[in-house]
Amino acid sequence: MKLVLGISGASGIPLALRFLEKLPKEIEVFVVASRNAHVVALEESNINLKNAMKDLRPGATFFNEQDIHASIASGSYGIHKMAIIPASMDMVAKIAHGFGGDLISRSASVMLKEKRPLLIAPREMPLSAIMLENLLKLAHSNAIIAPPVMTYYTQSKTLEAMQDFLVGKWFDSLGIENDLYPRWGMN
């Protein structure tokens, strides 16, 4: 299976890193981080995103967001799934309105036209009517809208456990088997 992880410049870069870390090793991973993602990772979490990504997934293929001629920008390359974590509202708007001027939005556009799973984890609060309309437009195009919403029923005691819940739910939405969180009624 081939999966693209797009990392936009929204708050919450550690969630993308946890997703990357927990992906099953047999999945071929392609990562595109926007310029703003690198800036936000450093400002919010003192993380050198390039180094962190390579440490977590040394076998992954990494692309520059401006490389719109990359293999993953073509439907014929055969990417199976894509996740954008976190998804800035700028990125959501670009995808919702068909702008593909960078590799993340172009790859997302390909996923939509090819009818392949595209998970979008929007990171903004509160949401304006325009933001909601853009998310609705993507949902109508079969994108999976899966914001990182905290849970209490799992009784998570640590930040890592909460992150694992979110990543597990995203994996569920993408059809990736996992045991990252306790299932309701399975205790």
N, C-alpha and C. Protein backbone atom coordinates (compact mmCIF):
# COMPACT_ATOMS: atom_id res chain seq x y z
N MET A 1 0.84 -1.18 0.00
CA MET A 1 0.00 0.00 0.00
C MET A 1 0.89 1.24 0.00
N LYS A 2 0.48 2.25 -0.77
CA LYS A 2 1.20 3.53 -0.84
C LYS A 2 0.33 4.60 -0.20
N LEU A 3 0.92 5.37 0.72
CA LEU A 3 0.18 6.42 1.43
C LEU A 3 0.97 7.71 1.39
N VAL A 4 0.28 8.81 1.12
CA VAL A 4 0.87 10.15 1.18
C VAL A 4 0.44 10.81 2.48
N LEU A 5 1.39 11.38 3.20
CA LEU A 5 1.10 12.22 4.36
C LEU A 5 1.47 13.65 4.00
N GLY A 6 0.46 14.52 3.96
CA GLY A 6 0.69 15.94 3.77
C GLY A 6 0.65 16.63 5.12
N ILE A 7 1.62 17.49 5.38
CA ILE A 7 1.69 18.22 6.64
C ILE A 7 1.65 19.70 6.30
N SER A 8 0.53 20.35 6.63
CA SER A 8 0.41 21.78 6.32
C SER A 8 0.86 22.60 7.53
N GLY A 9 0.79 23.90 7.40
CA GLY A 9 1.32 24.78 8.44
C GLY A 9 0.37 25.11 9.56
N ALA A 10 -0.61 24.28 9.82
CA ALA A 10 -1.52 24.51 10.94
C ALA A 10 -0.87 24.07 12.25
N SER A 11 -1.43 24.50 13.34
CA SER A 11 -0.98 24.06 14.65
C SER A 11 -1.25 22.56 14.80
N GLY A 12 -0.36 21.86 15.48
CA GLY A 12 -0.58 20.44 15.73
C GLY A 12 0.35 19.51 14.97
N ILE A 13 1.53 19.98 14.61
CA ILE A 13 2.49 19.16 13.87
C ILE A 13 2.83 17.86 14.61
N PRO A 14 2.91 17.86 15.97
CA PRO A 14 3.21 16.59 16.65
C PRO A 14 2.21 15.47 16.32
N LEU A 15 0.97 15.83 15.97
CA LEU A 15 0.00 14.80 15.57
C LEU A 15 0.42 14.12 14.27
N ALA A 16 0.94 14.88 13.34
CA ALA A 16 1.43 14.30 12.08
C ALA A 16 2.62 13.38 12.35
N LEU A 17 3.49 13.79 13.26
CA LEU A 17 4.65 12.96 13.58
C LEU A 17 4.23 11.67 14.25
N ARG A 18 3.22 11.73 15.12
CA ARG A 18 2.73 10.51 15.76
C ARG A 18 2.10 9.58 14.72
N PHE A 19 1.35 10.14 13.79
CA PHE A 19 0.75 9.37 12.70
C PHE A 19 1.85 8.66 11.91
N LEU A 20 2.89 9.40 11.56
CA LEU A 20 4.01 8.84 10.81
C LEU A 20 4.70 7.73 11.58
N GLU A 21 4.89 7.96 12.87
CA GLU A 21 5.56 6.97 13.73
C GLU A 21 4.76 5.67 13.83
N LYS A 22 3.44 5.78 13.92
CA LYS A 22 2.59 4.61 14.17
C LYS A 22 2.15 3.88 12.90
N LEU A 23 2.41 4.44 11.73
CA LEU A 23 2.03 3.75 10.50
C LEU A 23 2.72 2.40 10.42
N PRO A 24 1.99 1.36 10.05
CA PRO A 24 2.62 0.04 9.90
C PRO A 24 3.80 0.11 8.92
N LYS A 25 4.84 -0.62 9.24
CA LYS A 25 6.09 -0.57 8.48
C LYS A 25 5.94 -1.04 7.04
N GLU A 26 4.93 -1.89 6.77
CA GLU A 26 4.77 -2.40 5.41
C GLU A 26 4.15 -1.39 4.45
N ILE A 27 3.69 -0.25 4.98
CA ILE A 27 3.12 0.79 4.12
C ILE A 27 4.24 1.65 3.55
N GLU A 28 4.22 1.84 2.23
CA GLU A 28 5.18 2.72 1.58
C GLU A 28 4.68 4.16 1.76
N VAL A 29 5.51 4.99 2.40
CA VAL A 29 5.07 6.32 2.81
C VAL A 29 5.79 7.41 2.00
N PHE A 30 5.00 8.38 1.57
CA PHE A 30 5.50 9.56 0.88
C PHE A 30 5.07 10.77 1.71
N VAL A 31 5.99 11.65 2.04
CA VAL A 31 5.69 12.78 2.93
C VAL A 31 5.97 14.10 2.22
N VAL A 32 5.01 15.02 2.34
CA VAL A 32 5.18 16.37 1.84
C VAL A 32 4.83 17.31 2.98
N ALA A 33 5.80 18.09 3.43
CA ALA A 33 5.56 19.09 4.48
C ALA A 33 5.70 20.47 3.85
N SER A 34 4.73 21.32 4.11
CA SER A 34 4.79 22.68 3.55
C SER A 34 5.88 23.49 4.25
N ARG A 35 6.26 24.57 3.61
CA ARG A 35 7.25 25.47 4.21
C ARG A 35 6.75 25.96 5.57
N ASN A 36 5.47 26.31 5.63
CA ASN A 36 4.90 26.78 6.90
C ASN A 36 4.88 25.69 7.96
N ALA A 37 4.77 24.43 7.56
CA ALA A 37 4.82 23.34 8.54
C ALA A 37 6.17 23.32 9.25
N HIS A 38 7.23 23.54 8.49
CA HIS A 38 8.57 23.58 9.10
C HIS A 38 8.68 24.74 10.08
N VAL A 39 8.12 25.89 9.72
CA VAL A 39 8.16 27.07 10.58
C VAL A 39 7.36 26.83 11.86
N VAL A 40 6.14 26.32 11.71
CA VAL A 40 5.26 26.08 12.87
C VAL A 40 5.86 25.03 13.80
N ALA A 41 6.44 23.98 13.25
CA ALA A 41 7.04 22.93 14.09
C ALA A 41 8.14 23.50 14.97
N LEU A 42 8.94 24.39 14.40
CA LEU A 42 10.03 25.00 15.16
C LEU A 42 9.49 25.99 16.19
N GLU A 43 8.53 26.82 15.79
CA GLU A 43 7.98 27.84 16.68
C GLU A 43 7.17 27.25 17.84
N GLU A 44 6.31 26.27 17.54
CA GLU A 44 5.42 25.73 18.56
C GLU A 44 6.06 24.66 19.44
N SER A 45 6.89 23.83 18.83
CA SER A 45 7.37 22.65 19.56
C SER A 45 8.88 22.49 19.57
N ASN A 46 9.58 23.48 19.00
CA ASN A 46 11.04 23.41 18.92
C ASN A 46 11.50 22.13 18.22
N ILE A 47 10.77 21.76 17.17
CA ILE A 47 11.05 20.54 16.41
C ILE A 47 11.62 20.91 15.04
N ASN A 48 12.77 20.32 14.71
CA ASN A 48 13.28 20.40 13.35
C ASN A 48 12.52 19.33 12.58
N LEU A 49 11.54 19.75 11.81
CA LEU A 49 10.61 18.82 11.18
C LEU A 49 11.31 17.86 10.22
N LYS A 50 12.23 18.36 9.44
CA LYS A 50 12.94 17.50 8.48
C LYS A 50 13.65 16.36 9.20
N ASN A 51 14.38 16.69 10.26
CA ASN A 51 15.10 15.65 11.02
C ASN A 51 14.14 14.70 11.72
N ALA A 52 13.08 15.25 12.31
CA ALA A 52 12.12 14.41 13.05
C ALA A 52 11.46 13.40 12.11
N MET A 53 11.07 13.85 10.93
CA MET A 53 10.41 12.95 9.97
C MET A 53 11.35 11.83 9.54
N LYS A 54 12.59 12.19 9.24
CA LYS A 54 13.56 11.18 8.78
C LYS A 54 13.91 10.20 9.90
N ASP A 55 13.94 10.69 11.15
CA ASP A 55 14.21 9.80 12.28
C ASP A 55 13.07 8.81 12.49
N LEU A 56 11.82 9.28 12.34
CA LEU A 56 10.65 8.44 12.58
C LEU A 56 10.40 7.44 11.45
N ARG A 57 10.74 7.82 10.24
CA ARG A 57 10.45 6.95 9.08
C ARG A 57 11.59 7.05 8.06
N PRO A 58 12.75 6.46 8.40
CA PRO A 58 13.90 6.59 7.51
C PRO A 58 13.67 6.07 6.09
N GLY A 59 12.77 5.13 5.91
CA GLY A 59 12.52 4.57 4.58
C GLY A 59 11.52 5.34 3.75
N ALA A 60 10.95 6.41 4.31
CA ALA A 60 9.94 7.18 3.59
C ALA A 60 10.60 8.00 2.47
N THR A 61 9.78 8.39 1.52
CA THR A 61 10.21 9.30 0.45
C THR A 61 9.68 10.68 0.79
N PHE A 62 10.57 11.67 0.81
CA PHE A 62 10.20 13.03 1.18
C PHE A 62 10.26 13.93 -0.04
N PHE A 63 9.22 14.76 -0.19
CA PHE A 63 9.14 15.68 -1.32
C PHE A 63 9.04 17.11 -0.82
N ASN A 64 9.54 18.03 -1.64
CA ASN A 64 9.35 19.46 -1.42
C ASN A 64 7.96 19.82 -1.91
N GLU A 65 7.29 20.72 -1.22
CA GLU A 65 5.92 21.09 -1.60
C GLU A 65 5.83 21.72 -2.99
N GLN A 66 6.93 22.25 -3.49
CA GLN A 66 6.91 22.88 -4.81
C GLN A 66 7.15 21.89 -5.95
N ASP A 67 7.45 20.66 -5.62
CA ASP A 67 7.75 19.64 -6.63
C ASP A 67 6.46 19.05 -7.20
N ILE A 68 5.70 19.87 -7.93
CA ILE A 68 4.39 19.41 -8.41
C ILE A 68 4.50 18.42 -9.57
N HIS A 69 5.71 18.14 -10.01
CA HIS A 69 5.91 17.12 -11.05
C HIS A 69 6.33 15.79 -10.45
N ALA A 70 6.25 15.67 -9.13
CA ALA A 70 6.62 14.43 -8.44
C ALA A 70 5.66 13.31 -8.83
N SER A 71 6.10 12.09 -8.63
CA SER A 71 5.29 10.92 -8.98
C SER A 71 3.91 10.94 -8.32
N ILE A 72 3.84 11.39 -7.07
CA ILE A 72 2.58 11.35 -6.33
C ILE A 72 1.56 12.37 -6.83
N ALA A 73 1.97 13.24 -7.76
CA ALA A 73 1.06 14.23 -8.33
C ALA A 73 0.27 13.65 -9.50
N SER A 74 0.48 12.38 -9.79
CA SER A 74 -0.20 11.75 -10.92
C SER A 74 -1.09 10.60 -10.44
N GLY A 75 -2.29 10.55 -10.96
CA GLY A 75 -3.20 9.46 -10.63
C GLY A 75 -2.69 8.11 -11.10
N SER A 76 -1.88 8.10 -12.14
CA SER A 76 -1.38 6.83 -12.66
C SER A 76 -0.30 6.21 -11.78
N TYR A 77 0.24 6.98 -10.82
CA TYR A 77 1.27 6.43 -9.94
C TYR A 77 0.69 5.42 -8.95
N GLY A 78 -0.58 5.55 -8.66
CA GLY A 78 -1.24 4.53 -7.85
C GLY A 78 -1.13 4.69 -6.34
N ILE A 79 -1.21 5.92 -5.87
CA ILE A 79 -1.28 6.13 -4.42
C ILE A 79 -2.63 5.60 -3.95
N HIS A 80 -2.64 4.87 -2.84
CA HIS A 80 -3.88 4.26 -2.34
C HIS A 80 -4.64 5.13 -1.36
N LYS A 81 -3.91 5.87 -0.50
CA LYS A 81 -4.57 6.67 0.54
C LYS A 81 -3.73 7.92 0.78
N MET A 82 -4.40 8.97 1.30
CA MET A 82 -3.69 10.19 1.65
C MET A 82 -4.31 10.77 2.91
N ALA A 83 -3.47 11.35 3.75
CA ALA A 83 -3.93 12.07 4.94
C ALA A 83 -3.23 13.42 4.98
N ILE A 84 -3.97 14.46 5.34
CA ILE A 84 -3.37 15.77 5.57
C ILE A 84 -3.59 16.09 7.04
N ILE A 85 -2.47 16.05 7.78
CA ILE A 85 -2.49 16.23 9.23
C ILE A 85 -1.34 17.15 9.62
N PRO A 86 -1.58 18.25 10.25
CA PRO A 86 -2.86 18.95 10.35
C PRO A 86 -3.17 19.65 9.02
N ALA A 87 -4.42 19.94 8.81
CA ALA A 87 -4.85 20.63 7.60
C ALA A 87 -5.21 22.07 7.95
N SER A 88 -4.43 23.01 7.45
CA SER A 88 -4.75 24.42 7.68
C SER A 88 -6.00 24.78 6.88
N MET A 89 -6.66 25.83 7.28
CA MET A 89 -7.84 26.27 6.54
C MET A 89 -7.46 26.80 5.17
N ASP A 90 -6.24 27.30 5.02
CA ASP A 90 -5.75 27.70 3.71
C ASP A 90 -5.66 26.49 2.79
N MET A 91 -5.11 25.39 3.30
CA MET A 91 -5.00 24.17 2.51
C MET A 91 -6.38 23.61 2.18
N VAL A 92 -7.28 23.63 3.16
CA VAL A 92 -8.65 23.15 2.93
C VAL A 92 -9.31 23.96 1.81
N ALA A 93 -9.15 25.29 1.85
CA ALA A 93 -9.75 26.15 0.83
C ALA A 93 -9.17 25.85 -0.55
N LYS A 94 -7.85 25.68 -0.62
CA LYS A 94 -7.22 25.37 -1.91
C LYS A 94 -7.80 24.09 -2.51
N ILE A 95 -7.88 23.06 -1.70
CA ILE A 95 -8.36 21.76 -2.19
C ILE A 95 -9.84 21.85 -2.56
N ALA A 96 -10.63 22.50 -1.70
CA ALA A 96 -12.08 22.60 -1.94
C ALA A 96 -12.40 23.33 -3.24
N HIS A 97 -11.52 24.25 -3.63
CA HIS A 97 -11.79 25.05 -4.82
C HIS A 97 -10.92 24.67 -6.02
N GLY A 98 -10.24 23.53 -5.91
CA GLY A 98 -9.54 22.99 -7.06
C GLY A 98 -8.19 23.61 -7.37
N PHE A 99 -7.60 24.32 -6.42
CA PHE A 99 -6.28 24.89 -6.65
C PHE A 99 -5.22 23.84 -6.31
N GLY A 100 -4.35 23.56 -7.24
CA GLY A 100 -3.33 22.53 -7.03
C GLY A 100 -1.93 23.05 -7.30
N GLY A 101 -1.62 24.23 -6.80
CA GLY A 101 -0.34 24.86 -7.08
C GLY A 101 0.82 24.37 -6.25
N ASP A 102 0.58 23.50 -5.29
CA ASP A 102 1.65 22.90 -4.50
C ASP A 102 1.40 21.39 -4.46
N LEU A 103 2.39 20.64 -4.01
CA LEU A 103 2.29 19.18 -4.10
C LEU A 103 1.23 18.60 -3.16
N ILE A 104 0.99 19.24 -2.02
CA ILE A 104 -0.05 18.72 -1.12
C ILE A 104 -1.43 18.87 -1.76
N SER A 105 -1.76 20.09 -2.19
CA SER A 105 -3.09 20.31 -2.78
C SER A 105 -3.25 19.56 -4.10
N ARG A 106 -2.18 19.46 -4.88
CA ARG A 106 -2.25 18.70 -6.14
C ARG A 106 -2.50 17.22 -5.88
N SER A 107 -1.77 16.65 -4.92
CA SER A 107 -1.96 15.23 -4.58
C SER A 107 -3.36 14.98 -4.04
N ALA A 108 -3.86 15.91 -3.23
CA ALA A 108 -5.22 15.77 -2.69
C ALA A 108 -6.25 15.82 -3.82
N SER A 109 -6.03 16.71 -4.77
CA SER A 109 -6.93 16.81 -5.92
C SER A 109 -6.95 15.51 -6.71
N VAL A 110 -5.79 14.89 -6.85
CA VAL A 110 -5.69 13.60 -7.54
C VAL A 110 -6.49 12.54 -6.79
N MET A 111 -6.37 12.52 -5.46
CA MET A 111 -7.11 11.53 -4.67
C MET A 111 -8.61 11.70 -4.88
N LEU A 112 -9.08 12.93 -4.90
CA LEU A 112 -10.51 13.17 -5.10
C LEU A 112 -10.96 12.73 -6.49
N LYS A 113 -10.20 13.09 -7.52
CA LYS A 113 -10.62 12.73 -8.88
C LYS A 113 -10.55 11.24 -9.13
N GLU A 114 -9.62 10.56 -8.45
CA GLU A 114 -9.46 9.11 -8.60
C GLU A 114 -10.37 8.33 -7.65
N LYS A 115 -11.13 9.06 -6.80
CA LYS A 115 -12.05 8.44 -5.84
C LYS A 115 -11.31 7.53 -4.86
N ARG A 116 -10.17 8.01 -4.37
CA ARG A 116 -9.38 7.27 -3.39
C ARG A 116 -9.47 7.98 -2.04
N PRO A 117 -9.28 7.26 -0.94
CA PRO A 117 -9.44 7.86 0.39
C PRO A 117 -8.50 9.04 0.65
N LEU A 118 -9.11 10.16 1.02
CA LEU A 118 -8.39 11.38 1.41
C LEU A 118 -8.91 11.80 2.78
N LEU A 119 -8.05 11.73 3.79
CA LEU A 119 -8.42 12.14 5.14
C LEU A 119 -7.88 13.54 5.39
N ILE A 120 -8.74 14.41 5.88
CA ILE A 120 -8.35 15.78 6.20
C ILE A 120 -8.63 16.02 7.67
N ALA A 121 -7.57 16.39 8.41
CA ALA A 121 -7.68 16.67 9.85
C ALA A 121 -7.56 18.17 10.06
N PRO A 122 -8.68 18.90 9.95
CA PRO A 122 -8.62 20.36 10.07
C PRO A 122 -8.29 20.80 11.48
N ARG A 123 -7.38 21.79 11.57
CA ARG A 123 -6.96 22.29 12.88
C ARG A 123 -7.28 23.77 12.97
N GLU A 124 -8.47 24.07 13.40
CA GLU A 124 -8.88 25.45 13.60
C GLU A 124 -10.07 25.45 14.53
N MET A 125 -10.19 26.52 15.31
CA MET A 125 -11.34 26.64 16.21
C MET A 125 -11.38 28.06 16.74
N PRO A 126 -12.51 28.74 16.68
CA PRO A 126 -13.78 28.30 16.09
C PRO A 126 -13.70 28.33 14.57
N LEU A 127 -14.72 27.77 13.95
CA LEU A 127 -14.79 27.70 12.50
C LEU A 127 -15.79 28.72 11.97
N SER A 128 -15.39 29.45 10.94
CA SER A 128 -16.31 30.39 10.30
C SER A 128 -17.22 29.64 9.33
N ALA A 129 -18.25 30.32 8.87
CA ALA A 129 -19.16 29.72 7.89
C ALA A 129 -18.41 29.35 6.61
N ILE A 130 -17.45 30.18 6.21
CA ILE A 130 -16.67 29.89 5.00
C ILE A 130 -15.86 28.61 5.19
N MET A 131 -15.23 28.46 6.35
CA MET A 131 -14.45 27.25 6.62
C MET A 131 -15.35 26.01 6.59
N LEU A 132 -16.52 26.12 7.22
CA LEU A 132 -17.45 25.00 7.23
C LEU A 132 -17.94 24.65 5.83
N GLU A 133 -18.19 25.67 5.01
CA GLU A 133 -18.60 25.42 3.63
C GLU A 133 -17.51 24.69 2.84
N ASN A 134 -16.26 25.09 3.06
CA ASN A 134 -15.15 24.41 2.37
C ASN A 134 -15.04 22.96 2.81
N LEU A 135 -15.18 22.71 4.11
CA LEU A 135 -15.14 21.33 4.61
C LEU A 135 -16.32 20.52 4.07
N LEU A 136 -17.49 21.14 4.01
CA LEU A 136 -18.67 20.46 3.46
C LEU A 136 -18.46 20.12 1.98
N LYS A 137 -17.87 21.05 1.24
CA LYS A 137 -17.60 20.80 -0.18
C LYS A 137 -16.68 19.59 -0.32
N LEU A 138 -15.67 19.49 0.54
CA LEU A 138 -14.76 18.34 0.50
C LEU A 138 -15.47 17.05 0.91
N ALA A 139 -16.33 17.14 1.92
CA ALA A 139 -17.09 15.96 2.35
C ALA A 139 -18.00 15.47 1.21
N HIS A 140 -18.60 16.40 0.49
CA HIS A 140 -19.44 16.03 -0.66
C HIS A 140 -18.61 15.40 -1.79
N SER A 141 -17.31 15.66 -1.77
CA SER A 141 -16.40 15.06 -2.77
C SER A 141 -15.78 13.77 -2.25
N ASN A 142 -16.33 13.26 -1.16
CA ASN A 142 -15.91 11.99 -0.53
C ASN A 142 -14.62 12.07 0.28
N ALA A 143 -14.16 13.27 0.62
CA ALA A 143 -13.04 13.37 1.56
C ALA A 143 -13.55 12.99 2.95
N ILE A 144 -12.66 12.43 3.74
CA ILE A 144 -12.97 12.08 5.13
C ILE A 144 -12.56 13.27 5.99
N ILE A 145 -13.51 13.93 6.61
CA ILE A 145 -13.20 15.08 7.46
C ILE A 145 -13.12 14.56 8.89
N ALA A 146 -11.91 14.58 9.46
CA ALA A 146 -11.67 13.96 10.76
C ALA A 146 -10.82 14.87 11.64
N PRO A 147 -11.46 15.87 12.26
CA PRO A 147 -10.69 16.78 13.10
C PRO A 147 -10.16 16.08 14.35
N PRO A 148 -9.05 16.55 14.87
CA PRO A 148 -8.48 15.96 16.09
C PRO A 148 -9.28 16.38 17.32
N VAL A 149 -10.34 15.65 17.61
CA VAL A 149 -11.23 15.95 18.73
C VAL A 149 -10.90 15.02 19.90
N MET A 150 -10.69 15.62 21.06
CA MET A 150 -10.37 14.83 22.25
C MET A 150 -11.52 13.91 22.64
N THR A 151 -11.16 12.83 23.33
CA THR A 151 -12.16 11.91 23.85
C THR A 151 -11.98 11.76 25.35
N TYR A 152 -13.03 11.33 26.00
CA TYR A 152 -12.93 11.07 27.44
C TYR A 152 -13.26 9.62 27.76
N TYR A 153 -13.99 8.93 26.88
CA TYR A 153 -14.40 7.57 27.20
C TYR A 153 -13.24 6.60 27.28
N THR A 154 -12.10 6.94 26.66
CA THR A 154 -10.94 6.05 26.74
C THR A 154 -10.14 6.29 28.02
N GLN A 155 -10.51 7.33 28.76
CA GLN A 155 -9.85 7.68 30.02
C GLN A 155 -8.34 7.80 29.86
N SER A 156 -7.93 8.45 28.79
CA SER A 156 -6.50 8.65 28.52
C SER A 156 -5.87 9.47 29.63
N LYS A 157 -4.73 9.01 30.10
CA LYS A 157 -4.04 9.67 31.21
C LYS A 157 -2.84 10.51 30.74
N THR A 158 -2.42 10.31 29.49
CA THR A 158 -1.24 11.02 28.99
C THR A 158 -1.54 11.64 27.63
N LEU A 159 -0.71 12.59 27.27
CA LEU A 159 -0.82 13.20 25.95
C LEU A 159 -0.59 12.16 24.86
N GLU A 160 0.35 11.26 25.09
CA GLU A 160 0.64 10.21 24.11
C GLU A 160 -0.57 9.30 23.89
N ALA A 161 -1.27 8.97 24.97
CA ALA A 161 -2.47 8.12 24.85
C ALA A 161 -3.56 8.85 24.06
N MET A 162 -3.70 10.15 24.29
CA MET A 162 -4.68 10.93 23.54
C MET A 162 -4.29 11.00 22.06
N GLN A 163 -3.01 11.19 21.79
CA GLN A 163 -2.54 11.19 20.40
C GLN A 163 -2.78 9.84 19.74
N ASP A 164 -2.53 8.77 20.49
CA ASP A 164 -2.75 7.42 19.94
C ASP A 164 -4.22 7.20 19.61
N PHE A 165 -5.12 7.73 20.44
CA PHE A 165 -6.55 7.63 20.14
C PHE A 165 -6.85 8.31 18.80
N LEU A 166 -6.35 9.54 18.64
CA LEU A 166 -6.60 10.27 17.39
C LEU A 166 -6.02 9.54 16.19
N VAL A 167 -4.78 9.11 16.31
CA VAL A 167 -4.14 8.38 15.21
C VAL A 167 -4.89 7.09 14.91
N GLY A 168 -5.31 6.39 15.96
CA GLY A 168 -6.08 5.16 15.77
C GLY A 168 -7.39 5.40 15.03
N LYS A 169 -8.08 6.47 15.38
CA LYS A 169 -9.33 6.81 14.69
C LYS A 169 -9.07 7.17 13.23
N TRP A 170 -7.96 7.89 12.98
CA TRP A 170 -7.61 8.21 11.59
C TRP A 170 -7.28 6.93 10.81
N PHE A 171 -6.53 6.03 11.45
CA PHE A 171 -6.23 4.75 10.80
C PHE A 171 -7.53 4.00 10.49
N ASP A 172 -8.46 3.99 11.46
CA ASP A 172 -9.75 3.33 11.23
C ASP A 172 -10.43 3.91 9.98
N SER A 173 -10.44 5.24 9.88
CA SER A 173 -11.10 5.91 8.76
C SER A 173 -10.45 5.56 7.42
N LEU A 174 -9.15 5.27 7.46
CA LEU A 174 -8.41 4.93 6.24
C LEU A 174 -8.33 3.43 6.00
N GLY A 175 -8.94 2.64 6.89
CA GLY A 175 -8.90 1.18 6.72
C GLY A 175 -7.56 0.57 7.07
N ILE A 176 -6.84 1.18 8.00
CA ILE A 176 -5.54 0.66 8.45
C ILE A 176 -5.75 0.03 9.82
N GLU A 177 -5.55 -1.28 9.91
CA GLU A 177 -5.76 -1.98 11.18
C GLU A 177 -4.81 -1.45 12.25
N ASN A 178 -5.33 -1.36 13.48
CA ASN A 178 -4.52 -0.87 14.59
C ASN A 178 -5.15 -1.26 15.92
N ASP A 179 -4.33 -1.18 16.96
CA ASP A 179 -4.82 -1.38 18.33
C ASP A 179 -4.29 -0.24 19.20
N LEU A 180 -4.39 0.97 18.67
CA LEU A 180 -3.79 2.14 19.33
C LEU A 180 -4.62 2.70 20.48
N TYR A 181 -5.88 2.29 20.58
CA TYR A 181 -6.73 2.82 21.66
C TYR A 181 -7.74 1.76 22.06
N PRO A 182 -8.25 1.86 23.30
CA PRO A 182 -9.26 0.89 23.74
C PRO A 182 -10.59 1.15 23.04
N ARG A 183 -11.16 0.10 22.49
CA ARG A 183 -12.44 0.21 21.78
C ARG A 183 -13.59 0.24 22.78
N TRP A 184 -14.62 0.99 22.46
CA TRP A 184 -15.79 1.09 23.32
C TRP A 184 -16.41 -0.29 23.50
N GLY A 185 -16.68 -0.64 24.74
CA GLY A 185 -17.32 -1.91 25.05
C GLY A 185 -16.39 -3.11 25.03
N MET A 186 -15.10 -2.89 24.83
CA MET A 186 -14.14 -3.99 24.75
C MET A 186 -13.31 -4.11 26.02
N ASN A 187 -13.63 -3.33 27.04
CA ASN A 187 -12.83 -3.35 28.28
C ASN A 187 -13.20 -4.53 29.14
